[in-house]
């Protein structure tokens, strides 16, 4: 799964990250969330891999978006039979 994350910098603005790399920085929270969701959605459509957007919460990580391939009926049947 590809994870895009939001992190707040010392100056109070937000960064959009993927892995250990900052892709965009010094954004307000709303535009940062919108951009991260757009990146994750585009990555999912382009590659077919699952992608999500997360940000730190007071007690745990908050998932803001999740893009995944819907299971096919054949996959679900195989999982039940196993």
Protein backbone atom coordinates (compact mmCIF):
# COMPACT_ATOMS: atom_id res chain seq x y z
CA UNK A 1 0.00 0.00 0.00
CA UNK A 2 1.19 3.48 -0.85
CA UNK A 3 0.83 5.89 2.07
CA UNK A 4 0.75 9.65 1.71
CA UNK A 5 0.97 11.40 5.05
CA UNK A 6 0.53 14.91 6.37
CA UNK A 7 2.92 16.32 8.92
CA UNK A 8 2.92 19.68 10.59
CA UNK A 9 6.11 21.71 10.47
CA UNK A 10 7.46 23.97 13.20
CA UNK A 11 6.01 27.04 11.48
CA UNK A 12 2.47 25.59 11.73
CA UNK A 13 2.08 24.77 8.05
CA UNK A 14 1.62 21.27 6.66
CA UNK A 15 3.75 19.00 4.50
CA UNK A 16 2.58 16.21 2.19
CA UNK A 17 4.95 13.26 2.43
CA UNK A 18 5.40 9.87 0.82
CA UNK A 19 7.70 7.57 2.70
CA UNK A 20 10.56 9.63 4.09
CA UNK A 21 10.31 12.31 1.43
CA UNK A 22 8.47 15.62 1.57
CA UNK A 23 6.66 16.17 -1.73
CA UNK A 24 5.04 19.53 -0.91
CA UNK A 25 5.55 21.85 2.03
CA UNK A 26 4.25 25.02 3.70
CA UNK A 27 0.58 24.39 2.90
CA UNK A 28 -2.50 25.26 4.91
CA UNK A 29 -4.31 22.19 6.25
CA UNK A 30 -7.27 22.20 3.83
CA UNK A 31 -5.21 22.44 0.64
CA UNK A 32 -2.72 19.88 2.02
CA UNK A 33 -5.51 17.34 2.60
CA UNK A 34 -6.99 18.01 -0.84
CA UNK A 35 -3.61 17.64 -2.56
CA UNK A 36 -2.73 14.43 -0.67
CA UNK A 37 -6.10 12.88 -1.56
CA UNK A 38 -5.62 13.84 -5.20
CA UNK A 39 -2.13 12.31 -5.25
CA UNK A 40 -3.35 9.07 -3.66
CA UNK A 41 -6.34 8.80 -5.99
CA UNK A 42 -4.18 9.45 -9.06
CA UNK A 43 -1.57 6.92 -7.91
CA UNK A 44 -4.27 4.31 -7.40
CA UNK A 45 -5.83 4.93 -10.82
CA UNK A 46 -2.42 4.92 -12.53
CA UNK A 47 -0.89 1.87 -10.85
CA UNK A 48 -3.90 -0.06 -9.54
CA UNK A 49 -2.22 -0.31 -6.13
CA UNK A 50 -3.96 0.60 -2.89
CA UNK A 51 -3.22 4.10 -1.64
CA UNK A 52 -4.24 6.03 1.44
CA UNK A 53 -3.83 9.40 3.13
CA UNK A 54 -3.06 9.62 6.85
CA UNK A 55 -2.37 12.35 9.36
CA UNK A 56 -1.37 12.28 13.02
CA UNK A 57 -4.22 12.49 15.52
CA UNK A 58 -4.19 13.11 19.26
CA UNK A 59 -4.17 9.40 20.12
CA UNK A 60 -3.52 7.61 16.85
CA UNK A 61 -3.20 8.07 13.10
CA UNK A 62 -6.31 9.29 11.29
CA UNK A 63 -6.99 7.85 7.84
CA UNK A 64 -8.40 10.60 5.64
CA UNK A 65 -8.77 8.59 2.42
CA UNK A 66 -8.31 5.05 1.16
CA UNK A 67 -8.33 3.98 -2.47
CA UNK A 68 -8.34 0.26 -3.13
CA UNK A 69 -9.42 -2.11 -5.83
CA UNK A 70 -12.85 -3.52 -5.10
CA UNK A 71 -12.64 -7.28 -4.70
CA UNK A 72 -13.97 -9.28 -7.62
CA UNK A 73 -16.61 -11.90 -6.92
CA UNK A 74 -14.15 -14.67 -7.90
CA UNK A 75 -11.65 -13.41 -5.28
CA UNK A 76 -14.34 -13.32 -2.58
CA UNK A 77 -15.53 -16.84 -3.45
CA UNK A 78 -11.96 -18.18 -3.27
CA UNK A 79 -11.42 -16.53 0.12
CA UNK A 80 -14.62 -18.09 1.53
CA UNK A 81 -13.76 -21.53 0.15
CA UNK A 82 -10.29 -21.50 1.70
